[in-house]
Amino acid sequence: MKNKLFILTIVMLLVLALSLTTATYAWFTASSVTRIEGFNVSVTANNDVNIGVKKDCSSIATGTITTSMFVTDAVQYTQPVTPGQVGGTWTGTDGLSANLEHDIEWGAQSKSVAANIDSEDVALSTDPDDYTDIGTGLNNANYIQINAANLGDDALTNVAAALPNYGATKDPATSGDYCYMLLGVQPVRDLDVCTLVIAIDFAASTSSTLGILAGLHVAYRVGKNGAAASSWSDVDIFGNSYHYTTQKTGVVTNITDTSGNEALATAYEDTYGSAPTNTTYCALIQNLSVTMNAIDQVEIIVYLDGNDGDVNNSALGSSGAIKIFFCTELAD
């Protein structure tokens, strides 16, 4: 049997404690919606890949990709020059390694976010029809910027250009509107499988339903070992099968050995010390490079999608943990 090992764990504890209202439209009107209690990185001693964050994460590089393009160990993020745009810079120790400690804060969310594709170039449009999910928006020729907003009576309100990772003061103690990373991922040995897993664990939620967790999205794209970046994808982690009204007991986990990656359930159990249960559900970024020393660039945005009908005041009150880890399988 092939040796199956996990190599990276990133854990974000997501707490949503809110008063419920009768609103059912996408976006929400409440404030202090989401708090991330922790966003920590740890790597096992027997890792199969090295990781880092790209120094200039305004774009995915092509051609020859070297470890000097990345920083690792303790890293610090600086937001993009223009609010509302994806990117920024990182500083830290040059290279890739098995240890990555970052200063991301993603908590105390008062708004949801979406991509503005208003063809009339109104940057802070208050019309919900001008918005789409981030992945679709970044692929759209009319894309302007990512905004954060609340729902007003007839239009969006409190519209502002969204900031990644921490707030307007650029103080790591304050939260941003969404979580953003451009990772470098390099196998240190030949593999058969290299998959990034983004899982939601809602076992500790006091709500009987999935609630607003059903509105969590992941936008991502991949540049494989110097090739041009793929188009952006946008994944509703719970998809069309489960929504904010879904009872927790109605969810069946997709972290199994029959889910398209035979090492997935084993990687989860090795990472967290127990088998996945039906209170855990995931999205996969599959087919990362498996050749030793190849370097992939994986750009990831995790956010509450204001354009998703599951993000509304009636969905508030649920809680959960977002767990991001790599699942690998060694080559024969």
C-alpha atoms as a PDB file:
ATOM      1  CA  MET A   1       0.000   0.000   0.000  1.00  0.00           C
ATOM      2  CA  LYS A   2       1.228   3.475  -0.766  1.00  0.00           C
ATOM      3  CA  ASN A   3       2.397   5.572   2.114  1.00  0.00           C
ATOM      4  CA  LYS A   4      -0.229   8.267   2.683  1.00  0.00           C
ATOM      5  CA  LEU A   5       0.825  11.419   4.511  1.00  0.00           C
ATOM      6  CA  PHE A   6      -0.649  14.838   5.155  1.00  0.00           C
ATOM      7  CA  ILE A   7       1.732  17.773   5.187  1.00  0.00           C
ATOM      8  CA  LEU A   8       0.043  21.006   6.199  1.00  0.00           C
ATOM      9  CA  THR A   9      -2.690  22.135   8.545  1.00  0.00           C
ATOM     10  CA  ILE A  10      -4.161  25.631   8.564  1.00  0.00           C
ATOM     11  CA  VAL A  11      -6.999  26.137  11.049  1.00  0.00           C
ATOM     12  CA  MET A  12      -9.414  29.043  11.237  1.00  0.00           C
ATOM     13  CA  LEU A  13     -12.033  29.034  13.993  1.00  0.00           C
ATOM     14  CA  LEU A  14     -15.098  30.815  12.707  1.00  0.00           C
ATOM     15  CA  VAL A  15     -17.659  32.072  15.214  1.00  0.00           C
ATOM     16  CA  LEU A  16     -20.937  33.702  14.192  1.00  0.00           C
ATOM     17  CA  ALA A  17     -23.068  34.875  17.120  1.00  0.00           C
ATOM     18  CA  LEU A  18     -25.957  37.076  16.014  1.00  0.00           C
ATOM     19  CA  SER A  19     -29.572  37.933  16.626  1.00  0.00           C
ATOM     20  CA  LEU A  20     -31.900  36.413  14.045  1.00  0.00           C
ATOM     21  CA  THR A  21     -34.232  38.526  11.911  1.00  0.00           C
ATOM     22  CA  THR A  22     -36.778  37.716   9.211  1.00  0.00           C
ATOM     23  CA  ALA A  23     -34.716  38.950   6.258  1.00  0.00           C
ATOM     24  CA  THR A  24     -34.157  36.351   3.555  1.00  0.00           C
ATOM     25  CA  TYR A  25     -32.399  38.324   0.788  1.00  0.00           C
ATOM     26  CA  ALA A  26     -28.723  37.844  -0.008  1.00  0.00           C
ATOM     27  CA  TRP A  27     -26.352  40.144   1.903  1.00  0.00           C
ATOM     28  CA  PHE A  28     -27.139  40.964   5.530  1.00  0.00           C
ATOM     29  CA  THR A  29     -27.923  44.085   7.513  1.00  0.00           C
ATOM     30  CA  ALA A  30     -26.394  43.204  10.889  1.00  0.00           C
ATOM     31  CA  SER A  31     -22.955  44.178  12.151  1.00  0.00           C
ATOM     32  CA  SER A  32     -20.289  42.179  14.053  1.00  0.00           C
ATOM     33  CA  VAL A  33     -21.223  39.130  12.058  1.00  0.00           C
ATOM     34  CA  THR A  34     -18.197  36.854  11.975  1.00  0.00           C
ATOM     35  CA  ARG A  35     -15.208  36.389  14.222  1.00  0.00           C
ATOM     36  CA  ILE A  36     -12.189  34.263  13.396  1.00  0.00           C
ATOM     37  CA  GLU A  37     -10.704  33.269  16.725  1.00  0.00           C
ATOM     38  CA  GLY A  38      -7.555  31.778  15.243  1.00  0.00           C
ATOM     39  CA  PHE A  39      -5.820  31.301  11.913  1.00  0.00           C
ATOM     40  CA  ASN A  40      -2.781  29.213  12.621  1.00  0.00           C
ATOM     41  CA  VAL A  41      -0.342  27.269  10.483  1.00  0.00           C
ATOM     42  CA  SER A  42       1.452  24.111  11.558  1.00  0.00           C
ATOM     43  CA  VAL A  43       3.332  21.526   9.511  1.00  0.00           C
ATOM     44  CA  THR A  44       4.108  17.960  10.508  1.00  0.00           C
ATOM     45  CA  ALA A  45       7.721  16.880  10.849  1.00  0.00           C
ATOM     46  CA  ASN A  46       7.360  14.322   8.039  1.00  0.00           C
ATOM     47  CA  ASN A  47       6.117  16.867   5.507  1.00  0.00           C
ATOM     48  CA  ASP A  48       5.894  16.119   1.784  1.00  0.00           C
ATOM     49  CA  VAL A  49       5.946  19.735   0.576  1.00  0.00           C
ATOM     50  CA  ASN A  50       7.548  23.020   1.473  1.00  0.00           C
ATOM     51  CA  ILE A  51       5.469  26.179   1.505  1.00  0.00           C
ATOM     52  CA  GLY A  52       5.716  29.958   1.535  1.00  0.00           C
ATOM     53  CA  VAL A  53       3.891  33.067   0.388  1.00  0.00           C
ATOM     54  CA  LYS A  54       4.830  35.040  -2.727  1.00  0.00           C
ATOM     55  CA  LYS A  55       6.643  38.313  -2.001  1.00  0.00           C
ATOM     56  CA  ASP A  56       4.668  40.167  -4.668  1.00  0.00           C
ATOM     57  CA  CYS A  57       1.243  38.553  -4.683  1.00  0.00           C
ATOM     58  CA  SER A  58      -0.334  40.961  -7.177  1.00  0.00           C
ATOM     59  CA  SER A  59      -0.008  38.289  -9.883  1.00  0.00           C
ATOM     60  CA  ILE A  60       1.034  34.688 -10.538  1.00  0.00           C
ATOM     61  CA  ALA A  61       4.482  34.585 -12.147  1.00  0.00           C
ATOM     62  CA  THR A  62       5.281  32.570 -15.286  1.00  0.00           C
ATOM     63  CA  GLY A  63       8.484  31.094 -16.662  1.00  0.00           C
ATOM     64  CA  THR A  64      11.223  30.028 -14.287  1.00  0.00           C
ATOM     65  CA  ILE A  65       9.885  29.941 -10.736  1.00  0.00           C
ATOM     66  CA  THR A  66      12.481  30.061  -7.971  1.00  0.00           C
ATOM     67  CA  THR A  67      12.256  29.800  -4.207  1.00  0.00           C
ATOM     68  CA  SER A  68      13.643  33.352  -3.958  1.00  0.00           C
ATOM     69  CA  MET A  69      10.237  34.660  -5.119  1.00  0.00           C
ATOM     70  CA  PHE A  70       8.730  33.534  -1.811  1.00  0.00           C
ATOM     71  CA  VAL A  71       9.147  34.145   1.903  1.00  0.00           C
ATOM     72  CA  THR A  72       8.543  31.718   4.732  1.00  0.00           C
ATOM     73  CA  ASP A  73       8.870  31.244   8.503  1.00  0.00           C
ATOM     74  CA  ALA A  74       7.381  34.351  10.228  1.00  0.00           C
ATOM     75  CA  VAL A  75       5.857  36.501   7.465  1.00  0.00           C
ATOM     76  CA  GLN A  76       4.124  39.889   7.460  1.00  0.00           C
ATOM     77  CA  TYR A  77       1.520  41.045   4.953  1.00  0.00           C
ATOM     78  CA  THR A  78       1.041  44.501   3.425  1.00  0.00           C
ATOM     79  CA  GLN A  79      -2.240  45.229   1.651  1.00  0.00           C
ATOM     80  CA  PRO A  80      -2.479  46.251  -2.026  1.00  0.00           C
ATOM     81  CA  VAL A  81      -1.905  49.933  -2.788  1.00  0.00           C
ATOM     82  CA  THR A  82      -5.437  50.268  -4.162  1.00  0.00           C
ATOM     83  CA  PRO A  83      -8.212  49.113  -1.787  1.00  0.00           C
ATOM     84  CA  GLY A  84     -10.619  46.711  -3.458  1.00  0.00           C
ATOM     85  CA  GLN A  85      -7.925  45.033  -5.526  1.00  0.00           C
ATOM     86  CA  VAL A  86      -6.427  41.586  -4.945  1.00  0.00           C
ATOM     87  CA  GLY A  87      -2.734  41.446  -4.133  1.00  0.00           C
ATOM     88  CA  GLY A  88      -0.249  42.990  -1.753  1.00  0.00           C
ATOM     89  CA  THR A  89       3.211  42.000  -0.585  1.00  0.00           C
ATOM     90  CA  TRP A  90       4.804  39.742   2.030  1.00  0.00           C
ATOM     91  CA  THR A  91       8.101  40.025   3.887  1.00  0.00           C
ATOM     92  CA  GLY A  92       9.899  37.291   5.790  1.00  0.00           C
ATOM     93  CA  THR A  93      12.735  34.808   5.344  1.00  0.00           C
ATOM     94  CA  ASP A  94      13.518  34.101   1.690  1.00  0.00           C
ATOM     95  CA  GLY A  95      12.534  30.696   0.347  1.00  0.00           C
ATOM     96  CA  LEU A  96      10.130  27.853   1.095  1.00  0.00           C
ATOM     97  CA  SER A  97      10.120  25.715   4.220  1.00  0.00           C
ATOM     98  CA  ALA A  98       8.004  23.476   6.424  1.00  0.00           C
ATOM     99  CA  ASN A  99       7.137  26.394   8.739  1.00  0.00           C
ATOM    100  CA  LEU A 100       4.903  29.337   7.909  1.00  0.00           C
ATOM    101  CA  GLU A 101       3.653  31.752  10.575  1.00  0.00           C
ATOM    102  CA  HIS A 102       1.616  34.657   9.211  1.00  0.00           C
ATOM    103  CA  ASP A 103      -0.124  37.691  10.675  1.00  0.00           C
ATOM    104  CA  ILE A 104      -3.541  37.285   9.017  1.00  0.00           C
ATOM    105  CA  GLU A 105      -6.551  38.384  11.059  1.00  0.00           C
ATOM    106  CA  TRP A 106      -9.977  37.619   9.648  1.00  0.00           C
ATOM    107  CA  GLY A 107     -12.586  38.331  12.269  1.00  0.00           C
ATOM    108  CA  ALA A 108     -15.408  40.596  13.476  1.00  0.00           C
ATOM    109  CA  GLN A 109     -17.018  40.640  10.040  1.00  0.00           C
ATOM    110  CA  SER A 110     -19.651  43.350   9.713  1.00  0.00           C
ATOM    111  CA  LYS A 111     -20.268  42.956   5.972  1.00  0.00           C
ATOM    112  CA  SER A 112     -20.308  40.360   3.234  1.00  0.00           C
ATOM    113  CA  VAL A 113     -18.336  40.850   0.015  1.00  0.00           C
ATOM    114  CA  ALA A 114     -18.657  40.355  -3.748  1.00  0.00           C
ATOM    115  CA  ALA A 115     -17.047  41.469  -7.009  1.00  0.00           C
ATOM    116  CA  ASN A 116     -18.346  44.626  -8.681  1.00  0.00           C
ATOM    117  CA  ILE A 117     -18.731  44.200 -12.456  1.00  0.00           C
ATOM    118  CA  ASP A 118     -20.649  47.438 -13.056  1.00  0.00           C
ATOM    119  CA  SER A 119     -20.119  48.271 -16.738  1.00  0.00           C
ATOM    120  CA  GLU A 120     -20.729  51.978 -15.996  1.00  0.00           C
ATOM    121  CA  ASP A 121     -17.609  52.039 -13.824  1.00  0.00           C
ATOM    122  CA  VAL A 122     -19.308  53.030 -10.579  1.00  0.00           C
ATOM    123  CA  ALA A 123     -16.701  51.723  -8.150  1.00  0.00           C
ATOM    124  CA  LEU A 124     -18.910  51.773  -5.046  1.00  0.00           C
ATOM    125  CA  SER A 125     -22.156  50.780  -6.722  1.00  0.00           C
ATOM    126  CA  THR A 126     -25.111  50.243  -4.380  1.00  0.00           C
ATOM    127  CA  ASP A 127     -27.019  48.113  -6.907  1.00  0.00           C
ATOM    128  CA  PRO A 128     -26.902  44.381  -5.954  1.00  0.00           C
ATOM    129  CA  ASP A 129     -27.309  43.528  -9.642  1.00  0.00           C
ATOM    130  CA  ASP A 130     -23.819  44.909 -10.299  1.00  0.00           C
ATOM    131  CA  TYR A 131     -22.213  42.174  -8.197  1.00  0.00           C
ATOM    132  CA  THR A 132     -21.249  38.556  -8.656  1.00  0.00           C
ATOM    133  CA  ASP A 133     -19.116  36.026  -6.789  1.00  0.00           C
ATOM    134  CA  ILE A 134     -15.424  36.886  -6.646  1.00  0.00           C
ATOM    135  CA  GLY A 135     -14.180  34.077  -8.892  1.00  0.00           C
ATOM    136  CA  THR A 136     -16.597  34.955 -11.688  1.00  0.00           C
ATOM    137  CA  GLY A 137     -15.925  38.653 -11.220  1.00  0.00           C
ATOM    138  CA  LEU A 138     -12.150  38.333 -11.529  1.00  0.00           C
ATOM    139  CA  ASN A 139     -12.634  36.583 -14.890  1.00  0.00           C
ATOM    140  CA  ASN A 140     -15.040  39.295 -16.139  1.00  0.00           C
ATOM    141  CA  ALA A 141     -13.821  42.004 -18.523  1.00  0.00           C
ATOM    142  CA  ASN A 142     -15.967  44.556 -16.663  1.00  0.00           C
ATOM    143  CA  TYR A 143     -14.509  43.719 -13.244  1.00  0.00           C
ATOM    144  CA  ILE A 144     -13.833  46.831 -11.172  1.00  0.00           C
ATOM    145  CA  GLN A 145     -13.091  45.794  -7.609  1.00  0.00           C
ATOM    146  CA  ILE A 146     -14.139  43.721  -4.614  1.00  0.00           C
ATOM    147  CA  ASN A 147     -16.495  45.580  -2.286  1.00  0.00           C
ATOM    148  CA  ALA A 148     -17.880  44.952   1.181  1.00  0.00           C
ATOM    149  CA  ALA A 149     -21.421  46.058   2.001  1.00  0.00           C
ATOM    150  CA  ASN A 150     -24.621  45.545   3.954  1.00  0.00           C
ATOM    151  CA  LEU A 151     -28.178  45.326   2.660  1.00  0.00           C
ATOM    152  CA  GLY A 152     -30.302  48.458   2.978  1.00  0.00           C
ATOM    153  CA  ASP A 153     -34.020  48.879   2.318  1.00  0.00           C
ATOM    154  CA  ASP A 154     -33.782  49.007  -1.490  1.00  0.00           C
ATOM    155  CA  ALA A 155     -30.054  48.931  -2.177  1.00  0.00           C
ATOM    156  CA  LEU A 156     -26.692  48.102  -0.652  1.00  0.00           C
ATOM    157  CA  THR A 157     -25.449  50.372   2.093  1.00  0.00           C
ATOM    158  CA  ASN A 158     -22.104  51.013   3.833  1.00  0.00           C
ATOM    159  CA  VAL A 159     -20.370  50.088   0.563  1.00  0.00           C
ATOM    160  CA  ALA A 160     -16.575  50.228   0.761  1.00  0.00           C
ATOM    161  CA  ALA A 161     -13.627  48.767  -1.113  1.00  0.00           C
ATOM    162  CA  ALA A 162     -12.877  45.432   0.582  1.00  0.00           C
ATOM    163  CA  LEU A 163      -9.590  44.897   2.410  1.00  0.00           C
ATOM    164  CA  PRO A 164      -7.872  41.493   2.713  1.00  0.00           C
ATOM    165  CA  ASN A 165      -6.496  39.938   5.894  1.00  0.00           C
ATOM    166  CA  TYR A 166      -6.826  42.901   8.270  1.00  0.00           C
ATOM    167  CA  GLY A 167      -8.566  46.220   8.601  1.00  0.00           C
ATOM    168  CA  ALA A 168      -8.108  49.737   7.295  1.00  0.00           C
ATOM    169  CA  THR A 169      -5.462  50.617   9.910  1.00  0.00           C
ATOM    170  CA  LYS A 170      -3.304  47.758   8.581  1.00  0.00           C
ATOM    171  CA  ASP A 171      -3.055  46.651  12.183  1.00  0.00           C
ATOM    172  CA  PRO A 172      -2.965  42.831  12.480  1.00  0.00           C
ATOM    173  CA  ALA A 173      -5.173  43.183  15.563  1.00  0.00           C
ATOM    174  CA  THR A 174      -8.079  44.328  13.375  1.00  0.00           C
ATOM    175  CA  SER A 175      -9.908  42.152  10.896  1.00  0.00           C
ATOM    176  CA  GLY A 176     -10.202  42.408   7.142  1.00  0.00           C
ATOM    177  CA  ASP A 177     -13.195  41.720   4.914  1.00  0.00           C
ATOM    178  CA  TYR A 178     -11.854  38.435   3.508  1.00  0.00           C
ATOM    179  CA  CYS A 179      -8.893  36.080   3.789  1.00  0.00           C
ATOM    180  CA  TYR A 180      -6.292  36.094   0.989  1.00  0.00           C
ATOM    181  CA  MET A 181      -3.097  34.114   0.308  1.00  0.00           C
ATOM    182  CA  LEU A 182      -0.854  33.371  -2.677  1.00  0.00           C
ATOM    183  CA  LEU A 183       0.972  30.225  -1.623  1.00  0.00           C
ATOM    184  CA  GLY A 184       4.045  28.592  -3.103  1.00  0.00           C
ATOM    185  CA  VAL A 185       3.829  24.788  -2.860  1.00  0.00           C
ATOM    186  CA  GLN A 186       6.854  22.586  -3.647  1.00  0.00           C
ATOM    187  CA  PRO A 187       6.951  18.785  -3.273  1.00  0.00           C
ATOM    188  CA  VAL A 188      10.148  17.652  -1.566  1.00  0.00           C
ATOM    189  CA  ARG A 189       9.776  14.135  -3.019  1.00  0.00           C
ATOM    190  CA  ASP A 190       7.908  12.617  -5.948  1.00  0.00           C
ATOM    191  CA  LEU A 191       4.199  12.194  -5.248  1.00  0.00           C
ATOM    192  CA  ASP A 192       1.191  10.573  -6.863  1.00  0.00           C
ATOM    193  CA  VAL A 193      -1.319  12.961  -5.264  1.00  0.00           C
ATOM    194  CA  CYS A 194      -1.102  16.549  -4.023  1.00  0.00           C
ATOM    195  CA  THR A 195      -4.427  18.114  -3.037  1.00  0.00           C
ATOM    196  CA  LEU A 196      -5.290  21.187  -1.008  1.00  0.00           C
ATOM    197  CA  VAL A 197      -8.367  20.592   1.148  1.00  0.00           C
ATOM    198  CA  ILE A 198     -10.620  23.334   2.539  1.00  0.00           C
ATOM    199  CA  ALA A 199     -12.985  21.850   5.125  1.00  0.00           C
ATOM    200  CA  ILE A 200     -15.706  23.295   7.336  1.00  0.00           C
ATOM    201  CA  ASP A 201     -16.286  21.631  10.712  1.00  0.00           C
ATOM    202  CA  PHE A 202     -19.514  22.748  12.383  1.00  0.00           C
ATOM    203  CA  ALA A 203     -19.622  20.195  15.214  1.00  0.00           C
ATOM    204  CA  ALA A 204     -19.406  22.879  17.908  1.00  0.00           C
ATOM    205  CA  SER A 205     -22.153  25.080  16.461  1.00  0.00           C
ATOM    206  CA  THR A 206     -25.084  25.660  18.803  1.00  0.00           C
ATOM    207  CA  SER A 207     -27.381  26.281  15.835  1.00  0.00           C
ATOM    208  CA  SER A 208     -29.467  23.358  14.593  1.00  0.00           C
ATOM    209  CA  THR A 209     -28.875  24.456  10.984  1.00  0.00           C
ATOM    210  CA  LEU A 210     -25.831  25.212   8.824  1.00  0.00           C
ATOM    211  CA  GLY A 211     -26.821  28.864   8.803  1.00  0.00           C
ATOM    212  CA  ILE A 212     -24.398  31.363   7.299  1.00  0.00           C
ATOM    213  CA  LEU A 213     -21.645  28.743   6.974  1.00  0.00           C
ATOM    214  CA  ALA A 214     -23.515  27.656   3.833  1.00  0.00           C
ATOM    215  CA  GLY A 215     -22.536  31.002   2.281  1.00  0.00           C
ATOM    216  CA  LEU A 216     -18.762  30.513   2.622  1.00  0.00           C
ATOM    217  CA  HIS A 217     -17.024  30.521  -0.761  1.00  0.00           C
ATOM    218  CA  VAL A 218     -13.495  29.838  -1.949  1.00  0.00           C
ATOM    219  CA  ALA A 219     -12.198  31.596  -5.062  1.00  0.00           C
ATOM    220  CA  TYR A 220      -8.922  30.182  -6.355  1.00  0.00           C
ATOM    221  CA  ARG A 221      -6.594  29.808  -9.304  1.00  0.00           C
ATOM    222  CA  VAL A 222      -3.377  27.849  -9.829  1.00  0.00           C
ATOM    223  CA  GLY A 223      -0.162  28.494 -11.743  1.00  0.00           C
ATOM    224  CA  LYS A 224       1.536  25.134 -12.187  1.00  0.00           C
ATOM    225  CA  ASN A 225       5.342  25.240 -12.153  1.00  0.00           C
ATOM    226  CA  GLY A 226       5.734  28.351 -14.319  1.00  0.00           C
ATOM    227  CA  ALA A 227       2.738  27.844 -16.601  1.00  0.00           C
ATOM    228  CA  ALA A 228       0.164  30.591 -17.086  1.00  0.00           C
ATOM    229  CA  ALA A 229      -2.403  30.837 -14.302  1.00  0.00           C
ATOM    230  CA  SER A 230      -5.695  29.038 -14.708  1.00  0.00           C
ATOM    231  CA  SER A 231      -8.921  31.008 -14.794  1.00  0.00           C
ATOM    232  CA  TRP A 232     -10.409  31.767 -11.398  1.00  0.00           C
ATOM    233  CA  SER A 233     -12.806  29.198  -9.998  1.00  0.00           C
ATOM    234  CA  ASP A 234     -15.363  29.992  -7.328  1.00  0.00           C
ATOM    235  CA  VAL A 235     -16.630  27.197  -5.105  1.00  0.00           C
ATOM    236  CA  ASP A 236     -19.624  27.341  -2.804  1.00  0.00           C
ATOM    237  CA  ILE A 237     -18.213  24.862  -0.297  1.00  0.00           C
ATOM    238  CA  PHE A 238     -21.597  23.310   0.492  1.00  0.00           C
ATOM    239  CA  GLY A 239     -22.747  23.612  -3.138  1.00  0.00           C
ATOM    240  CA  ASN A 240     -26.391  23.265  -4.089  1.00  0.00           C
ATOM    241  CA  SER A 241     -26.938  20.275  -1.822  1.00  0.00           C
ATOM    242  CA  TYR A 242     -27.004  22.138   1.486  1.00  0.00           C
ATOM    243  CA  HIS A 243     -28.215  25.624   2.417  1.00  0.00           C
ATOM    244  CA  TYR A 244     -28.630  27.865   5.460  1.00  0.00           C
ATOM    245  CA  THR A 245     -31.871  26.101   6.386  1.00  0.00           C
ATOM    246  CA  THR A 246     -30.302  22.618   6.209  1.00  0.00           C
ATOM    247  CA  GLN A 247     -30.371  20.793   9.529  1.00  0.00           C
ATOM    248  CA  LYS A 248     -26.907  19.871  10.774  1.00  0.00           C
ATOM    249  CA  THR A 249     -28.094  16.277  11.046  1.00  0.00           C
ATOM    250  CA  GLY A 250     -28.963  16.316   7.342  1.00  0.00           C
ATOM    251  CA  VAL A 251     -25.364  16.741   6.143  1.00  0.00           C
ATOM    252  CA  VAL A 252     -23.327  13.738   4.937  1.00  0.00           C
ATOM    253  CA  THR A 253     -19.578  14.303   4.842  1.00  0.00           C
ATOM    254  CA  ASN A 254     -17.752  14.151   1.502  1.00  0.00           C
ATOM    255  CA  ILE A 255     -14.377  13.494   3.153  1.00  0.00           C
ATOM    256  CA  THR A 256     -14.238   9.812   2.311  1.00  0.00           C
ATOM    257  CA  ASP A 257     -11.977   7.407   0.457  1.00  0.00           C
ATOM    258  CA  THR A 258     -14.569   7.252  -2.335  1.00  0.00           C
ATOM    259  CA  SER A 259     -14.659  11.025  -2.951  1.00  0.00           C
ATOM    260  CA  GLY A 260     -12.154  11.024  -5.817  1.00  0.00           C
ATOM    261  CA  ASN A 261      -8.983  11.027  -3.719  1.00  0.00           C
ATOM    262  CA  GLU A 262      -8.252   7.777  -1.923  1.00  0.00           C
ATOM    263  CA  ALA A 263      -5.892   9.432   0.574  1.00  0.00           C
ATOM    264  CA  LEU A 264      -8.374  12.110   1.685  1.00  0.00           C
ATOM    265  CA  ALA A 265     -10.004  10.454   4.693  1.00  0.00           C
ATOM    266  CA  THR A 266      -6.648   9.100   5.854  1.00  0.00           C
ATOM    267  CA  ALA A 267      -5.077  12.562   5.636  1.00  0.00           C
ATOM    268  CA  TYR A 268      -7.889  14.060   7.702  1.00  0.00           C
ATOM    269  CA  GLU A 269      -7.603  11.369  10.378  1.00  0.00           C
ATOM    270  CA  ASP A 270      -3.815  11.686  10.516  1.00  0.00           C
ATOM    271  CA  THR A 271      -4.094  15.479  10.769  1.00  0.00           C
ATOM    272  CA  TYR A 272      -6.805  15.788  13.403  1.00  0.00           C
ATOM    273  CA  GLY A 273      -6.501  12.476  15.244  1.00  0.00           C
ATOM    274  CA  SER A 274      -9.965  11.173  14.425  1.00  0.00           C
ATOM    275  CA  ALA A 275     -11.990  10.160  11.407  1.00  0.00           C
ATOM    276  CA  PRO A 276     -14.116  12.830   9.684  1.00  0.00           C
ATOM    277  CA  THR A 277     -17.739  12.924  10.777  1.00  0.00           C
ATOM    278  CA  ASN A 278     -20.909  14.211   9.151  1.00  0.00           C
ATOM    279  CA  THR A 279     -20.248  17.606  10.716  1.00  0.00           C
ATOM    280  CA  THR A 280     -17.311  18.117   8.320  1.00  0.00           C
ATOM    281  CA  TYR A 281     -17.583  19.032   4.637  1.00  0.00           C
ATOM    282  CA  CYS A 282     -14.914  20.104   2.164  1.00  0.00           C
ATOM    283  CA  ALA A 283     -13.921  21.566  -1.176  1.00  0.00           C
ATOM    284  CA  LEU A 284     -10.802  20.348  -2.985  1.00  0.00           C
ATOM    285  CA  ILE A 285      -8.119  22.063  -5.064  1.00  0.00           C
ATOM    286  CA  GLN A 286      -6.820  19.007  -6.882  1.00  0.00           C
ATOM    287  CA  ASN A 287      -4.060  18.047  -9.301  1.00  0.00           C
ATOM    288  CA  LEU A 288      -1.289  20.203  -7.894  1.00  0.00           C
ATOM    289  CA  SER A 289       2.190  19.343  -9.166  1.00  0.00           C
ATOM    290  CA  VAL A 290       3.584  16.041  -7.901  1.00  0.00           C
ATOM    291  CA  THR A 291       7.145  16.244  -9.259  1.00  0.00           C
ATOM    292  CA  MET A 292       9.874  16.856  -6.710  1.00  0.00           C
ATOM    293  CA  ASN A 293      11.018  20.523  -6.664  1.00  0.00           C
ATOM    294  CA  ALA A 294       8.246  21.779  -8.957  1.00  0.00           C
ATOM    295  CA  ILE A 295       6.719  24.988  -7.557  1.00  0.00           C
ATOM    296  CA  ASP A 296       3.018  25.728  -7.922  1.00  0.00           C
ATOM    297  CA  GLN A 297       1.421  29.050  -7.048  1.00  0.00           C
ATOM    298  CA  VAL A 298      -2.020  28.664  -5.451  1.00  0.00           C
ATOM    299  CA  GLU A 299      -4.022  31.873  -5.003  1.00  0.00           C
ATOM    300  CA  ILE A 300      -6.886  31.560  -2.492  1.00  0.00           C
ATOM    301  CA  ILE A 301      -9.670  33.867  -1.311  1.00  0.00           C
ATOM    302  CA  VAL A 302     -12.020  32.689   1.460  1.00  0.00           C
ATOM    303  CA  TYR A 303     -15.064  34.906   1.996  1.00  0.00           C
ATOM    304  CA  LEU A 304     -18.732  35.298   2.893  1.00  0.00           C
ATOM    305  CA  ASP A 305     -20.363  35.837  -0.504  1.00  0.00           C
ATOM    306  CA  GLY A 306     -22.936  38.627  -0.423  1.00  0.00           C
ATOM    307  CA  ASN A 307     -24.226  37.397  -3.768  1.00  0.00           C
ATOM    308  CA  ASP A 308     -25.094  33.990  -2.229  1.00  0.00           C
ATOM    309  CA  GLY A 309     -28.664  33.596  -0.981  1.00  0.00           C
ATOM    310  CA  ASP A 310     -27.368  31.723   2.058  1.00  0.00           C
ATOM    311  CA  VAL A 311     -25.774  34.942   3.348  1.00  0.00           C
ATOM    312  CA  ASN A 312     -28.690  36.713   5.012  1.00  0.00           C
ATOM    313  CA  ASN A 313     -29.906  37.725   8.450  1.00  0.00           C
ATOM    314  CA  SER A 314     -31.982  34.588   8.908  1.00  0.00           C
ATOM    315  CA  ALA A 315     -28.771  32.555   8.515  1.00  0.00           C
ATOM    316  CA  LEU A 316     -26.999  34.191  11.431  1.00  0.00           C
ATOM    317  CA  GLY A 317     -26.154  32.370  14.632  1.00  0.00           C
ATOM    318  CA  SER A 318     -24.210  29.348  13.380  1.00  0.00           C
ATOM    319  CA  SER A 319     -20.533  28.669  14.020  1.00  0.00           C
ATOM    320  CA  GLY A 320     -17.795  26.401  12.791  1.00  0.00           C
ATOM    321  CA  ALA A 321     -14.117  25.918  12.019  1.00  0.00           C
ATOM    322  CA  ILE A 322     -12.417  26.218   8.645  1.00  0.00           C
ATOM    323  CA  LYS A 323      -9.567  23.723   8.299  1.00  0.00           C
ATOM    324  CA  ILE A 324      -7.163  23.955   5.380  1.00  0.00           C
ATOM    325  CA  PHE A 325      -4.623  21.179   4.906  1.00  0.00           C
ATOM    326  CA  PHE A 326      -2.724  19.339   2.197  1.00  0.00           C
ATOM    327  CA  CYS A 327      -3.307  15.690   1.409  1.00  0.00           C
ATOM    328  CA  THR A 328      -0.494  13.860  -0.370  1.00  0.00           C
ATOM    329  CA  GLU A 329       0.279  10.337  -1.493  1.00  0.00           C
ATOM    330  CA  LEU A 330       3.841   9.202  -2.177  1.00  0.00           C
ATOM    331  CA  ALA A 331       4.785   7.812  -5.571  1.00  0.00           C
ATOM    332  CA  ASP A 332       5.694   4.099  -5.793  1.00  0.00           C
END
